[in-house]
PDB file of N, CA and C in Angstrom:
ATOM      1  N   MET A   1     124.134  99.704  98.742  1.00  0.00           N
ATOM      2  CA  MET A   1     125.404  99.221  98.213  1.00  0.00           C
ATOM      3  C   MET A   1     125.227  98.115  97.424  1.00  0.00           C
ATOM      4  N   LYS A   2     126.186  97.843  96.216  1.00  0.00           N
ATOM      5  CA  LYS A   2     125.786  96.485  95.288  1.00  0.00           C
ATOM      6  C   LYS A   2     127.211  95.776  95.286  1.00  0.00           C
ATOM      7  N   CYS A   3     126.727  94.412  94.876  1.00  0.00           N
ATOM      8  CA  CYS A   3     127.771  93.668  95.168  1.00  0.00           C
ATOM      9  C   CYS A   3     127.565  92.797  93.876  1.00  0.00           C
ATOM     10  N   GLY A   4     127.985  93.041  92.878  1.00  0.00           N
ATOM     11  CA  GLY A   4     127.636  92.774  91.591  1.00  0.00           C
ATOM     12  C   GLY A   4     126.484  93.219  91.139  1.00  0.00           C
ATOM     13  N   ASN A   5     125.380  92.828  90.455  1.00  0.00           N
ATOM     14  CA  ASN A   5     124.210  93.560  90.244  1.00  0.00           C
ATOM     15  C   ASN A   5     123.278  93.337  91.589  1.00  0.00           C
ATOM     16  N   LYS A   6     123.569  93.138  92.600  1.00  0.00           N
ATOM     17  CA  LYS A   6     122.549  93.069  93.718  1.00  0.00           C
ATOM     18  C   LYS A   6     122.297  93.946  94.717  1.00  0.00           C
ATOM     19  N   ALA A   7     121.559  94.673  95.148  1.00  0.00           N
ATOM     20  CA  ALA A   7     121.605  95.547  96.166  1.00  0.00           C
ATOM     21  C   ALA A   7     121.616  95.255  97.451  1.00  0.00           C
ATOM     22  N   VAL A   8     122.698  95.234  98.273  1.00  0.00           N
ATOM     23  CA  VAL A   8     122.936  94.417  99.230  1.00  0.00           C
ATOM     24  C   VAL A   8     121.680  94.621 100.682  1.00  0.00           C
ATOM     25  N   ASN A   9     121.864  96.010 100.905  1.00  0.00           N
ATOM     26  CA  ASN A   9     121.107  96.305 101.740  1.00  0.00           C
ATOM     27  C   ASN A   9     119.527  95.737 101.599  1.00  0.00           C
ATOM     28  N   ALA A  10     119.185  96.046 100.524  1.00  0.00           N
ATOM     29  CA  ALA A  10     117.417  95.455 100.038  1.00  0.00           C
ATOM     30  C   ALA A  10     117.578  93.951 100.290  1.00  0.00           C
ATOM     31  N   GLU A  11     118.643  93.152  99.736  1.00  0.00           N
ATOM     32  CA  GLU A  11     118.656  91.727  99.743  1.00  0.00           C
ATOM     33  C   GLU A  11     118.407  91.365 101.128  1.00  0.00           C
ATOM     34  N   GLN A  12     119.449  91.875 102.257  1.00  0.00           N
ATOM     35  CA  GLN A  12     119.237  91.470 103.388  1.00  0.00           C
ATOM     36  C   GLN A  12     118.058  92.088 104.226  1.00  0.00           C
ATOM     37  N   VAL A  13     117.243  93.121 103.820  1.00  0.00           N
ATOM     38  CA  VAL A  13     115.966  93.262 104.286  1.00  0.00           C
ATOM     39  C   VAL A  13     114.816  92.352 103.700  1.00  0.00           C
ATOM     40  N   ARG A  14     114.956  92.026 102.450  1.00  0.00           N
ATOM     41  CA  ARG A  14     114.170  91.063 102.105  1.00  0.00           C
ATOM     42  C   ARG A  14     114.344  89.996 102.695  1.00  0.00           C
ATOM     43  N   ARG A  15     115.007  89.332 102.879  1.00  0.00           N
ATOM     44  CA  ARG A  15     115.228  87.817 103.283  1.00  0.00           C
ATOM     45  C   ARG A  15     114.965  87.824 105.125  1.00  0.00           C
ATOM     46  N   GLY A  16     114.868  89.192 105.840  1.00  0.00           N
ATOM     47  CA  GLY A  16     114.794  89.308 107.144  1.00  0.00           C
ATOM     48  C   GLY A  16     115.941  89.390 108.110  1.00  0.00           C
ATOM     49  N   LEU A  17     117.065  89.555 107.337  1.00  0.00           N
ATOM     50  CA  LEU A  17     118.371  89.673 108.262  1.00  0.00           C
ATOM     51  C   LEU A  17     119.197  90.667 108.705  1.00  0.00           C
ATOM     52  N   ALA A  18     117.904  91.884 107.974  1.00  0.00           N
ATOM     53  CA  ALA A  18     118.471  92.849 108.401  1.00  0.00           C
ATOM     54  C   ALA A  18     117.319  94.156 109.017  1.00  0.00           C
ATOM     55  N   TRP A  19     117.519  94.782 109.910  1.00  0.00           N
ATOM     56  CA  TRP A  19     116.165  95.745 110.449  1.00  0.00           C
ATOM     57  C   TRP A  19     116.462  97.374 109.806  1.00  0.00           C
ATOM     58  N   VAL A  20     115.076  97.891 109.251  1.00  0.00           N
ATOM     59  CA  VAL A  20     115.404  99.124 108.715  1.00  0.00           C
ATOM     60  C   VAL A  20     115.194 100.052 109.958  1.00  0.00           C
ATOM     61  N   ASP A  21     116.315 101.040 110.114  1.00  0.00           N
ATOM     62  CA  ASP A  21     115.860 101.764 111.076  1.00  0.00           C
ATOM     63  C   ASP A  21     115.325 103.301 110.440  1.00  0.00           C
ATOM     64  N   SER A  22     114.448 103.713 110.433  1.00  0.00           N
ATOM     65  CA  SER A  22     113.921 104.975 110.018  1.00  0.00           C
ATOM     66  C   SER A  22     114.691 106.237 110.409  1.00  0.00           C
ATOM     67  N   ARG A  23     115.228 106.127 111.321  1.00  0.00           N
ATOM     68  CA  ARG A  23     116.261 107.379 111.972  1.00  0.00           C
ATOM     69  C   ARG A  23     117.199 107.276 110.800  1.00  0.00           C
ATOM     70  N   TYR A  24     117.814 106.515 110.024  1.00  0.00           N
ATOM     71  CA  TYR A  24     118.904 106.762 109.089  1.00  0.00           C
ATOM     72  C   TYR A  24     118.602 106.589 107.592  1.00  0.00           C
ATOM     73  N   THR A  25     117.423 106.291 107.411  1.00  0.00           N
ATOM     74  CA  THR A  25     116.846 106.338 105.675  1.00  0.00           C
ATOM     75  C   THR A  25     115.561 106.506 105.659  1.00  0.00           C
ATOM     76  N   GLN A  26     115.224 107.118 104.351  1.00  0.00           N
ATOM     77  CA  GLN A  26     113.780 107.391 104.200  1.00  0.00           C
ATOM     78  C   GLN A  26     113.755 106.624 103.065  1.00  0.00           C
ATOM     79  N   ASP A  27     114.584 105.425 102.579  1.00  0.00           N
ATOM     80  CA  ASP A  27     114.125 104.796 101.623  1.00  0.00           C
ATOM     81  C   ASP A  27     112.929 103.673 101.509  1.00  0.00           C
ATOM     82  N   LYS A  28     111.857 104.105 100.531  1.00  0.00           N
ATOM     83  CA  LYS A  28     110.288 103.233 100.731  1.00  0.00           C
ATOM     84  C   LYS A  28     110.555 102.186 100.589  1.00  0.00           C
ATOM     85  N   ALA A  29     111.211 101.947  99.784  1.00  0.00           N
ATOM     86  CA  ALA A  29     111.318 100.434  98.764  1.00  0.00           C
ATOM     87  C   ALA A  29     111.715  99.445  99.932  1.00  0.00           C
ATOM     88  N   LEU A  30     113.163 100.077 101.134  1.00  0.00           N
ATOM     89  CA  LEU A  30     113.534  99.053 102.172  1.00  0.00           C
ATOM     90  C   LEU A  30     112.303  98.841 103.164  1.00  0.00           C
ATOM     91  N   THR A  31     111.633 100.095 103.263  1.00  0.00           N
ATOM     92  CA  THR A  31     110.646  99.816 104.418  1.00  0.00           C
ATOM     93  C   THR A  31     109.547  99.063 104.113  1.00  0.00           C
ATOM     94  N   LEU A  32     109.264  98.746 102.719  1.00  0.00           N
ATOM     95  CA  LEU A  32     107.929  97.792 102.046  1.00  0.00           C
ATOM     96  C   LEU A  32     108.421  96.587 101.969  1.00  0.00           C
ATOM     97  N   LEU A  33     109.961  96.257 101.440  1.00  0.00           N
ATOM     98  CA  LEU A  33     110.737  94.980 101.725  1.00  0.00           C
ATOM     99  C   LEU A  33     110.340  94.434 103.188  1.00  0.00           C
ATOM    100  N   GLN A  34     110.807  95.429 104.014  1.00  0.00           N
ATOM    101  CA  GLN A  34     110.621  94.877 105.839  1.00  0.00           C
ATOM    102  C   GLN A  34     109.020  94.539 105.998  1.00  0.00           C
ATOM    103  N   ALA A  35     108.244  95.327 105.635  1.00  0.00           N
ATOM    104  CA  ALA A  35     106.837  95.374 105.989  1.00  0.00           C
ATOM    105  C   ALA A  35     106.358  93.567 105.154  1.00  0.00           C
ATOM    106  N   GLU A  36     107.030  93.406 103.927  1.00  0.00           N
ATOM    107  CA  GLU A  36     106.645  92.235 103.488  1.00  0.00           C
ATOM    108  C   GLU A  36     107.460  90.863 104.095  1.00  0.00           C
ATOM    109  N   ALA A  37     108.584  90.978 104.383  1.00  0.00           N
ATOM    110  CA  ALA A  37     109.328  89.865 105.790  1.00  0.00           C
ATOM    111  C   ALA A  37     108.443  90.143 106.911  1.00  0.00           C
ATOM    112  N   ARG A  38     108.222  90.842 107.730  1.00  0.00           N
ATOM    113  CA  ARG A  38     107.452  90.702 108.698  1.00  0.00           C
ATOM    114  C   ARG A  38     106.372  90.106 108.658  1.00  0.00           C
ATOM    115  N   LYS A  39     105.439  90.396 107.326  1.00  0.00           N
ATOM    116  CA  LYS A  39     104.176  89.359 107.010  1.00  0.00           C
ATOM    117  C   LYS A  39     104.474  88.243 106.750  1.00  0.00           C
ATOM    118  N   ASN A  40     105.672  87.965 106.082  1.00  0.00           N
ATOM    119  CA  ASN A  40     105.838  86.494 106.125  1.00  0.00           C
ATOM    120  C   ASN A  40     106.653  86.048 106.955  1.00  0.00           C
ATOM    121  N   ARG A  41     106.907  86.507 107.799  1.00  0.00           N
ATOM    122  CA  ARG A  41     107.541  86.153 108.824  1.00  0.00           C
ATOM    123  C   ARG A  41     108.918  85.148 108.565  1.00  0.00           C
ATOM    124  N   THR A  42     109.444  86.027 107.775  1.00  0.00           N
ATOM    125  CA  THR A  42     110.710  85.767 107.390  1.00  0.00           C
ATOM    126  C   THR A  42     112.228  85.845 108.332  1.00  0.00           C
ATOM    127  N   GLY A  43     112.992  85.236 108.120  1.00  0.00           N
ATOM    128  CA  GLY A  43     114.406  85.923 109.110  1.00  0.00           C
ATOM    129  C   GLY A  43     114.045  85.814 110.603  1.00  0.00           C
ATOM    130  N   LEU A  44     114.298  87.069 110.665  1.00  0.00           N
ATOM    131  CA  LEU A  44     114.316  87.382 112.360  1.00  0.00           C
ATOM    132  C   LEU A  44     113.168  87.949 112.261  1.00  0.00           C
ATOM    133  N   TRP A  45     111.886  88.142 111.396  1.00  0.00           N
ATOM    134  CA  TRP A  45     110.789  87.888 111.948  1.00  0.00           C
ATOM    135  C   TRP A  45     109.836  87.084 112.312  1.00  0.00           C
ATOM    136  N   SER A  46     110.745  85.924 112.189  1.00  0.00           N
ATOM    137  CA  SER A  46     109.941  84.924 112.706  1.00  0.00           C
ATOM    138  C   SER A  46     110.060  84.346 114.213  1.00  0.00           C
ATOM    139  N   ASN A  47     110.575  85.129 114.684  1.00  0.00           N
ATOM    140  CA  ASN A  47     110.794  85.512 115.965  1.00  0.00           C
ATOM    141  C   ASN A  47     109.219  85.967 116.634  1.00  0.00           C
ATOM    142  N   PRO A  48     108.557  85.625 117.531  1.00  0.00           N
ATOM    143  CA  PRO A  48     107.333  86.519 118.046  1.00  0.00           C
ATOM    144  C   PRO A  48     107.620  87.979 118.765  1.00  0.00           C
ATOM    145  N   ALA A  49     108.861  87.934 119.066  1.00  0.00           N
ATOM    146  CA  ALA A  49     109.256  89.216 119.613  1.00  0.00           C
ATOM    147  C   ALA A  49     110.555  89.709 119.427  1.00  0.00           C
ATOM    148  N   PRO A  50     110.920  90.238 118.083  1.00  0.00           N
ATOM    149  CA  PRO A  50     112.087  90.450 117.933  1.00  0.00           C
ATOM    150  C   PRO A  50     112.789  91.700 118.552  1.00  0.00           C
ATOM    151  N   VAL A  51     113.905  91.966 118.801  1.00  0.00           N
ATOM    152  CA  VAL A  51     114.406  93.094 119.874  1.00  0.00           C
ATOM    153  C   VAL A  51     115.423  93.987 118.512  1.00  0.00           C
ATOM    154  N   PRO A  52     114.635  95.259 118.561  1.00  0.00           N
ATOM    155  CA  PRO A  52     115.588  95.901 117.246  1.00  0.00           C
ATOM    156  C   PRO A  52     117.247  96.049 117.870  1.00  0.00           C
ATOM    157  N   PRO A  53     118.046  96.010 117.079  1.00  0.00           N
ATOM    158  CA  PRO A  53     119.406  95.965 117.380  1.00  0.00           C
ATOM    159  C   PRO A  53     120.080  97.233 118.321  1.00  0.00           C
ATOM    160  N   TRP A  54     119.402  98.183 117.952  1.00  0.00           N
ATOM    161  CA  TRP A  54     119.748  99.563 118.637  1.00  0.00           C
ATOM    162  C   TRP A  54     119.636  98.895 120.212  1.00  0.00           C
ATOM    163  N   GLN A  55     118.272  98.701 120.278  1.00  0.00           N
ATOM    164  CA  GLN A  55     117.924  98.292 121.667  1.00  0.00           C
ATOM    165  C   GLN A  55     118.199  97.190 122.472  1.00  0.00           C
ATOM    166  N   TRP A  56     119.054  96.138 121.501  1.00  0.00           N
ATOM    167  CA  TRP A  56     119.535  95.114 122.348  1.00  0.00           C
ATOM    168  C   TRP A  56     120.670  95.332 122.663  1.00  0.00           C
ATOM    169  N   ARG A  57     121.682  96.529 121.988  1.00  0.00           N
ATOM    170  CA  ARG A  57     123.179  97.125 122.326  1.00  0.00           C
ATOM    171  C   ARG A  57     122.898  98.022 123.747  1.00  0.00           C
ATOM    172  N   ALA A  58     121.619  98.769 123.587  1.00  0.00           N
ATOM    173  CA  ALA A  58     121.223  99.597 124.835  1.00  0.00           C
ATOM    174  C   ALA A  58     121.492  98.876 125.666  1.00  0.00           C
ATOM    175  N   ASN A  59     120.630  97.708 125.959  1.00  0.00           N
ATOM    176  CA  ASN A  59     120.229  96.864 127.073  1.00  0.00           C
ATOM    177  C   ASN A  59     121.727  96.064 127.620  1.00  0.00           C
ATOM    178  N   HIS A  60     122.749  95.799 126.787  1.00  0.00           N
ATOM    179  CA  HIS A  60     123.612  94.836 126.784  1.00  0.00           C
ATOM    180  C   HIS A  60     124.813  95.605 126.892  1.00  0.00           C
ATOM    181  N   ALA A  61     125.272  97.039 126.784  1.00  0.00           N
ATOM    182  CA  ALA A  61     125.954  98.122 126.883  1.00  0.00           C
ATOM    183  C   ALA A  61     127.157  97.772 127.594  1.00  0.00           C
ATOM    184  N   THR A  62     126.975  97.490 129.093  1.00  0.00           N
ATOM    185  CA  THR A  62     127.972  97.330 129.992  1.00  0.00           C
ATOM    186  C   THR A  62     128.397  95.931 129.944  1.00  0.00           C
ATOM    187  N   ALA A  63     127.978  94.815 129.518  1.00  0.00           N
ATOM    188  CA  ALA A  63     128.638  93.367 129.058  1.00  0.00           C
ATOM    189  C   ALA A  63     129.560  93.429 127.935  1.00  0.00           C
ATOM    190  N   MET A  64     129.445  94.697 127.026  1.00  0.00           N
ATOM    191  CA  MET A  64     130.294  94.568 125.606  1.00  0.00           C
ATOM    192  C   MET A  64     131.210  95.613 126.226  1.00  0.00           C
ATOM    193  N   ARG A  65     131.478  95.886 126.963  1.00  0.00           N
ATOM    194  CA  ARG A  65     132.745  96.651 127.249  1.00  0.00           C
ATOM    195  C   ARG A  65     134.031  95.921 128.298  1.00  0.00           C
TER     196      ARG A  65
END
């Protein structure tokens, strides 16, 4: 997805604001951006034990109803 000339998905991953779910994408560029964000402890990767959103939702499914 683009906004102006920016690739929104890539920008979110680069800034550590989104998690790449390999079940839904094979985009190697996003995977590399995520690896770089993790290495630099950017955004959500600054947390020593980040929880994937799909795991968080599974653990909180009853509370969200």
